[in-house]
Amino acid sequence: MAESQLSCLRCQSAMEIGFVPNPTHGQEVWFEGAAPTTFRGSFMIGKKRFVVIAYRCVACGYLESYARP
């Protein structure tokens, strides 16, 4: 999905690419499966994960996030 192809779902204006930083681990990451009851680092071992890319509407500010392979 190319950046130039995206238009806002709310107002149909152009979307620009960006990211939402995670102060602890750098960039936001999506993990497969349900969230664990405790957040120790071991829950990440062996799980698929994808970097989360965010797009922002240049007109209304709507955010859309994707976790592409």
PDB file of N, CA and C in Angstrom:
ATOM      1  N   MET A   1       0.851  -1.172   0.000  1.00  0.00           N
ATOM      2  CA  MET A   1       0.000   0.000   0.000  1.00  0.00           C
ATOM      3  C   MET A   1       0.894   1.231   0.000  1.00  0.00           C
ATOM      4  N   ALA A   2       0.917   1.927  -1.097  1.00  0.00           N
ATOM      5  CA  ALA A   2       1.777   3.097  -1.214  1.00  0.00           C
ATOM      6  C   ALA A   2       1.145   4.297  -0.518  1.00  0.00           C
ATOM      7  N   GLU A   3       2.003   5.127   0.025  1.00  0.00           N
ATOM      8  CA  GLU A   3       1.532   6.318   0.747  1.00  0.00           C
ATOM      9  C   GLU A   3       0.656   7.195  -0.140  1.00  0.00           C
ATOM     10  N   SER A   4       1.019   7.347  -1.405  1.00  0.00           N
ATOM     11  CA  SER A   4       0.269   8.220  -2.302  1.00  0.00           C
ATOM     12  C   SER A   4      -1.126   7.688  -2.613  1.00  0.00           C
ATOM     13  N   GLN A   5      -1.375   6.404  -2.353  1.00  0.00           N
ATOM     14  CA  GLN A   5      -2.673   5.805  -2.633  1.00  0.00           C
ATOM     15  C   GLN A   5      -3.661   5.983  -1.487  1.00  0.00           C
ATOM     16  N   LEU A   6      -3.194   6.325  -0.314  1.00  0.00           N
ATOM     17  CA  LEU A   6      -4.085   6.414   0.838  1.00  0.00           C
ATOM     18  C   LEU A   6      -4.820   7.746   0.882  1.00  0.00           C
ATOM     19  N   SER A   7      -6.123   7.646   1.163  1.00  0.00           N
ATOM     20  CA  SER A   7      -6.889   8.856   1.419  1.00  0.00           C
ATOM     21  C   SER A   7      -7.655   8.636   2.718  1.00  0.00           C
ATOM     22  N   CYS A   8      -7.924   9.699   3.414  1.00  0.00           N
ATOM     23  CA  CYS A   8      -8.572   9.664   4.715  1.00  0.00           C
ATOM     24  C   CYS A   8      -9.964   9.047   4.619  1.00  0.00           C
ATOM     25  N   LEU A   9     -10.265   8.151   5.550  1.00  0.00           N
ATOM     26  CA  LEU A   9     -11.586   7.520   5.579  1.00  0.00           C
ATOM     27  C   LEU A   9     -12.682   8.495   5.993  1.00  0.00           C
ATOM     28  N   ARG A  10     -12.308   9.563   6.667  1.00  0.00           N
ATOM     29  CA  ARG A  10     -13.305  10.527   7.154  1.00  0.00           C
ATOM     30  C   ARG A  10     -13.565  11.664   6.178  1.00  0.00           C
ATOM     31  N   CYS A  11     -12.486  12.253   5.616  1.00  0.00           N
ATOM     32  CA  CYS A  11     -12.682  13.430   4.759  1.00  0.00           C
ATOM     33  C   CYS A  11     -12.098  13.277   3.352  1.00  0.00           C
ATOM     34  N   GLN A  12     -11.502  12.124   3.043  1.00  0.00           N
ATOM     35  CA  GLN A  12     -10.927  11.803   1.739  1.00  0.00           C
ATOM     36  C   GLN A  12      -9.732  12.664   1.335  1.00  0.00           C
ATOM     37  N   SER A  13      -9.108  13.367   2.263  1.00  0.00           N
ATOM     38  CA  SER A  13      -7.889  14.131   1.976  1.00  0.00           C
ATOM     39  C   SER A  13      -6.685  13.189   1.957  1.00  0.00           C
ATOM     40  N   ALA A  14      -5.545  13.708   1.584  1.00  0.00           N
ATOM     41  CA  ALA A  14      -4.309  12.913   1.510  1.00  0.00           C
ATOM     42  C   ALA A  14      -3.834  12.509   2.908  1.00  0.00           C
ATOM     43  N   MET A  15      -3.161  11.358   2.967  1.00  0.00           N
ATOM     44  CA  MET A  15      -2.569  10.866   4.214  1.00  0.00           C
ATOM     45  C   MET A  15      -1.048  10.927   4.081  1.00  0.00           C
ATOM     46  N   GLU A  16      -0.361  11.270   5.179  1.00  0.00           N
ATOM     47  CA  GLU A  16       1.101  11.270   5.186  1.00  0.00           C
ATOM     48  C   GLU A  16       1.593  10.224   6.178  1.00  0.00           C
ATOM     49  N   ILE A  17       2.725   9.599   5.843  1.00  0.00           N
ATOM     50  CA  ILE A  17       3.269   8.523   6.668  1.00  0.00           C
ATOM     51  C   ILE A  17       3.987   9.082   7.891  1.00  0.00           C
ATOM     52  N   GLY A  18       3.980   8.309   8.967  1.00  0.00           N
ATOM     53  CA  GLY A  18       4.695   8.672  10.192  1.00  0.00           C
ATOM     54  C   GLY A  18       4.760   7.471  11.109  1.00  0.00           C
ATOM     55  N   PHE A  19       5.059   7.695  12.365  1.00  0.00           N
ATOM     56  CA  PHE A  19       5.101   6.605  13.338  1.00  0.00           C
ATOM     57  C   PHE A  19       4.798   7.145  14.710  1.00  0.00           C
ATOM     58  N   VAL A  20       4.417   6.236  15.616  1.00  0.00           N
ATOM     59  CA  VAL A  20       4.134   6.595  16.998  1.00  0.00           C
ATOM     60  C   VAL A  20       5.238   5.974  17.850  1.00  0.00           C
ATOM     61  N   PRO A  21       6.143   6.772  18.391  1.00  0.00           N
ATOM     62  CA  PRO A  21       7.243   6.202  19.164  1.00  0.00           C
ATOM     63  C   PRO A  21       6.781   5.643  20.504  1.00  0.00           C
ATOM     64  N   ASN A  22       7.462   4.613  20.929  1.00  0.00           N
ATOM     65  CA  ASN A  22       7.241   4.019  22.242  1.00  0.00           C
ATOM     66  C   ASN A  22       8.465   4.395  23.064  1.00  0.00           C
ATOM     67  N   PRO A  23       8.329   5.215  24.112  1.00  0.00           N
ATOM     68  CA  PRO A  23       9.492   5.710  24.848  1.00  0.00           C
ATOM     69  C   PRO A  23      10.372   4.609  25.438  1.00  0.00           C
ATOM     70  N   THR A  24       9.813   3.437  25.673  1.00  0.00           N
ATOM     71  CA  THR A  24      10.582   2.353  26.277  1.00  0.00           C
ATOM     72  C   THR A  24      11.326   1.519  25.245  1.00  0.00           C
ATOM     73  N   HIS A  25      10.674   1.235  24.116  1.00  0.00           N
ATOM     74  CA  HIS A  25      11.245   0.292  23.153  1.00  0.00           C
ATOM     75  C   HIS A  25      11.430   0.853  21.751  1.00  0.00           C
ATOM     76  N   GLY A  26      11.438   2.149  21.560  1.00  0.00           N
ATOM     77  CA  GLY A  26      11.598   2.708  20.221  1.00  0.00           C
ATOM     78  C   GLY A  26      10.260   2.880  19.537  1.00  0.00           C
ATOM     79  N   GLN A  27      10.045   2.180  18.429  1.00  0.00           N
ATOM     80  CA  GLN A  27       8.805   2.315  17.671  1.00  0.00           C
ATOM     81  C   GLN A  27       7.771   1.300  18.139  1.00  0.00           C
ATOM     82  N   GLU A  28       6.487   1.640  17.995  1.00  0.00           N
ATOM     83  CA  GLU A  28       5.401   0.738  18.367  1.00  0.00           C
ATOM     84  C   GLU A  28       5.502  -0.554  17.567  1.00  0.00           C
ATOM     85  N   VAL A  29       5.177  -1.681  18.196  1.00  0.00           N
ATOM     86  CA  VAL A  29       5.231  -3.000  17.560  1.00  0.00           C
ATOM     87  C   VAL A  29       3.942  -3.745  17.879  1.00  0.00           C
ATOM     88  N   TRP A  30       3.413  -4.478  16.884  1.00  0.00           N
ATOM     89  CA  TRP A  30       2.216  -5.305  17.061  1.00  0.00           C
ATOM     90  C   TRP A  30       2.651  -6.749  17.234  1.00  0.00           C
ATOM     91  N   PHE A  31       2.070  -7.453  18.209  1.00  0.00           N
ATOM     92  CA  PHE A  31       2.356  -8.867  18.451  1.00  0.00           C
ATOM     93  C   PHE A  31       1.102  -9.683  18.209  1.00  0.00           C
ATOM     94  N   GLU A  32       1.274 -10.903  17.657  1.00  0.00           N
ATOM     95  CA  GLU A  32       0.125 -11.779  17.452  1.00  0.00           C
ATOM     96  C   GLU A  32      -0.387 -12.321  18.779  1.00  0.00           C
ATOM     97  N   GLY A  33      -1.638 -12.707  18.819  1.00  0.00           N
ATOM     98  CA  GLY A  33      -2.213 -13.344  19.993  1.00  0.00           C
ATOM     99  C   GLY A  33      -2.773 -12.359  21.006  1.00  0.00           C
ATOM    100  N   ALA A  34      -3.391 -12.923  22.037  1.00  0.00           N
ATOM    101  CA  ALA A  34      -3.980 -12.109  23.107  1.00  0.00           C
ATOM    102  C   ALA A  34      -2.882 -11.545  24.011  1.00  0.00           C
ATOM    103  N   ALA A  35      -3.174 -10.426  24.635  1.00  0.00           N
ATOM    104  CA  ALA A  35      -2.215  -9.813  25.558  1.00  0.00           C
ATOM    105  C   ALA A  35      -2.079 -10.682  26.808  1.00  0.00           C
ATOM    106  N   PRO A  36      -0.863 -10.831  27.328  1.00  0.00           N
ATOM    107  CA  PRO A  36      -0.671 -11.622  28.544  1.00  0.00           C
ATOM    108  C   PRO A  36      -1.187 -10.874  29.766  1.00  0.00           C
ATOM    109  N   THR A  37      -1.380 -11.617  30.865  1.00  0.00           N
ATOM    110  CA  THR A  37      -1.850 -10.976  32.087  1.00  0.00           C
ATOM    111  C   THR A  37      -0.739 -10.191  32.769  1.00  0.00           C
ATOM    112  N   THR A  38       0.520 -10.587  32.551  1.00  0.00           N
ATOM    113  CA  THR A  38       1.664  -9.813  33.052  1.00  0.00           C
ATOM    114  C   THR A  38       2.560  -9.480  31.870  1.00  0.00           C
ATOM    115  N   PHE A  39       3.175  -8.345  31.917  1.00  0.00           N
ATOM    116  CA  PHE A  39       4.001  -7.898  30.794  1.00  0.00           C
ATOM    117  C   PHE A  39       5.487  -8.054  31.080  1.00  0.00           C
ATOM    118  N   ARG A  40       5.919  -9.288  31.231  1.00  0.00           N
ATOM    119  CA  ARG A  40       7.355  -9.562  31.279  1.00  0.00           C
ATOM    120  C   ARG A  40       7.815  -9.798  29.854  1.00  0.00           C
ATOM    121  N   GLY A  41       9.073  -9.554  29.574  1.00  0.00           N
ATOM    122  CA  GLY A  41       9.606  -9.680  28.219  1.00  0.00           C
ATOM    123  C   GLY A  41       9.444 -11.049  27.602  1.00  0.00           C
ATOM    124  N   SER A  42       9.273 -12.090  28.401  1.00  0.00           N
ATOM    125  CA  SER A  42       9.190 -13.454  27.868  1.00  0.00           C
ATOM    126  C   SER A  42       7.967 -13.684  26.990  1.00  0.00           C
ATOM    127  N   PHE A  43       6.921 -12.865  27.108  1.00  0.00           N
ATOM    128  CA  PHE A  43       5.730 -13.077  26.283  1.00  0.00           C
ATOM    129  C   PHE A  43       6.017 -12.822  24.807  1.00  0.00           C
ATOM    130  N   MET A  44       7.113 -12.147  24.477  1.00  0.00           N
ATOM    131  CA  MET A  44       7.433 -11.815  23.096  1.00  0.00           C
ATOM    132  C   MET A  44       8.171 -12.934  22.371  1.00  0.00           C
ATOM    133  N   ILE A  45       8.750 -13.867  23.099  1.00  0.00           N
ATOM    134  CA  ILE A  45       9.566 -14.914  22.486  1.00  0.00           C
ATOM    135  C   ILE A  45       8.689 -15.832  21.639  1.00  0.00           C
ATOM    136  N   GLY A  46       9.098 -16.022  20.391  1.00  0.00           N
ATOM    137  CA  GLY A  46       8.391 -16.918  19.491  1.00  0.00           C
ATOM    138  C   GLY A  46       7.133 -16.361  18.857  1.00  0.00           C
ATOM    139  N   LYS A  47       6.806 -15.117  19.090  1.00  0.00           N
ATOM    140  CA  LYS A  47       5.603 -14.495  18.519  1.00  0.00           C
ATOM    141  C   LYS A  47       5.963 -13.729  17.250  1.00  0.00           C
ATOM    142  N   LYS A  48       5.036 -13.706  16.303  1.00  0.00           N
ATOM    143  CA  LYS A  48       5.201 -12.845  15.133  1.00  0.00           C
ATOM    144  C   LYS A  48       5.033 -11.412  15.612  1.00  0.00           C
ATOM    145  N   ARG A  49       5.827 -10.520  15.045  1.00  0.00           N
ATOM    146  CA  ARG A  49       5.660  -9.108  15.378  1.00  0.00           C
ATOM    147  C   ARG A  49       5.935  -8.257  14.159  1.00  0.00           C
ATOM    148  N   PHE A  50       5.262  -7.122  14.110  1.00  0.00           N
ATOM    149  CA  PHE A  50       5.368  -6.203  12.989  1.00  0.00           C
ATOM    150  C   PHE A  50       5.467  -4.779  13.508  1.00  0.00           C
ATOM    151  N   VAL A  51       6.294  -3.983  12.864  1.00  0.00           N
ATOM    152  CA  VAL A  51       6.391  -2.567  13.208  1.00  0.00           C
ATOM    153  C   VAL A  51       5.096  -1.885  12.787  1.00  0.00           C
ATOM    154  N   VAL A  52       4.588  -1.016  13.627  1.00  0.00           N
ATOM    155  CA  VAL A  52       3.351  -0.293  13.341  1.00  0.00           C
ATOM    156  C   VAL A  52       3.695   1.011  12.621  1.00  0.00           C
ATOM    157  N   ILE A  53       3.082   1.188  11.458  1.00  0.00           N
ATOM    158  CA  ILE A  53       3.248   2.416  10.672  1.00  0.00           C
ATOM    159  C   ILE A  53       1.946   3.194  10.772  1.00  0.00           C
ATOM    160  N   ALA A  54       2.041   4.475  11.015  1.00  0.00           N
ATOM    161  CA  ALA A  54       0.843   5.300  11.158  1.00  0.00           C
ATOM    162  C   ALA A  54       0.773   6.321  10.026  1.00  0.00           C
ATOM    163  N   TYR A  55      -0.426   6.568   9.562  1.00  0.00           N
ATOM    164  CA  TYR A  55      -0.674   7.609   8.572  1.00  0.00           C
ATOM    165  C   TYR A  55      -1.583   8.652   9.209  1.00  0.00           C
ATOM    166  N   ARG A  56      -1.315   9.934   8.890  1.00  0.00           N
ATOM    167  CA  ARG A  56      -2.098  11.047   9.430  1.00  0.00           C
ATOM    168  C   ARG A  56      -2.709  11.833   8.290  1.00  0.00           C
ATOM    169  N   CYS A  57      -3.978  12.153   8.435  1.00  0.00           N
ATOM    170  CA  CYS A  57      -4.656  12.979   7.434  1.00  0.00           C
ATOM    171  C   CYS A  57      -4.124  14.403   7.529  1.00  0.00           C
ATOM    172  N   VAL A  58      -3.750  14.960   6.380  1.00  0.00           N
ATOM    173  CA  VAL A  58      -3.197  16.312   6.373  1.00  0.00           C
ATOM    174  C   VAL A  58      -4.270  17.370   6.643  1.00  0.00           C
ATOM    175  N   ALA A  59      -5.548  17.023   6.458  1.00  0.00           N
ATOM    176  CA  ALA A  59      -6.626  17.991   6.662  1.00  0.00           C
ATOM    177  C   ALA A  59      -7.254  17.905   8.053  1.00  0.00           C
ATOM    178  N   CYS A  60      -7.691  16.702   8.472  1.00  0.00           N
ATOM    179  CA  CYS A  60      -8.434  16.596   9.729  1.00  0.00           C
ATOM    180  C   CYS A  60      -7.646  15.948  10.866  1.00  0.00           C
ATOM    181  N   GLY A  61      -6.464  15.382  10.567  1.00  0.00           N
ATOM    182  CA  GLY A  61      -5.634  14.813  11.616  1.00  0.00           C
ATOM    183  C   GLY A  61      -5.967  13.373  11.984  1.00  0.00           C
ATOM    184  N   TYR A  62      -6.921  12.744  11.321  1.00  0.00           N
ATOM    185  CA  TYR A  62      -7.290  11.351  11.600  1.00  0.00           C
ATOM    186  C   TYR A  62      -6.060  10.457  11.449  1.00  0.00           C
ATOM    187  N   LEU A  63      -5.873   9.508  12.394  1.00  0.00           N
ATOM    188  CA  LEU A  63      -4.752   8.572  12.332  1.00  0.00           C
ATOM    189  C   LEU A  63      -5.255   7.187  11.944  1.00  0.00           C
ATOM    190  N   GLU A  64      -4.482   6.521  11.095  1.00  0.00           N
ATOM    191  CA  GLU A  64      -4.747   5.154  10.684  1.00  0.00           C
ATOM    192  C   GLU A  64      -3.439   4.387  10.851  1.00  0.00           C
ATOM    193  N   SER A  65      -3.489   3.227  11.505  1.00  0.00           N
ATOM    194  CA  SER A  65      -2.278   2.446  11.759  1.00  0.00           C
ATOM    195  C   SER A  65      -2.314   1.127  11.014  1.00  0.00           C
ATOM    196  N   TYR A  66      -1.135   0.688  10.561  1.00  0.00           N
ATOM    197  CA  TYR A  66      -0.983  -0.579   9.851  1.00  0.00           C
ATOM    198  C   TYR A  66       0.198  -1.329  10.420  1.00  0.00           C
ATOM    199  N   ALA A  67       0.086  -2.658  10.446  1.00  0.00           N
ATOM    200  CA  ALA A  67       1.186  -3.539  10.867  1.00  0.00           C
ATOM    201  C   ALA A  67       1.401  -4.522   9.724  1.00  0.00           C
ATOM    202  N   ARG A  68       2.124  -4.087   8.712  1.00  0.00           N
ATOM    203  CA  ARG A  68       2.343  -4.907   7.522  1.00  0.00           C
ATOM    204  C   ARG A  68       3.510  -5.865   7.723  1.00  0.00           C
ATOM    205  N   PRO A  69       3.429  -7.037   7.067  1.00  0.00           N
ATOM    206  CA  PRO A  69       4.562  -7.975   7.151  1.00  0.00           C
ATOM    207  C   PRO A  69       5.798  -7.432   6.462  1.00  0.00           C
TER     208      PRO A  69
END
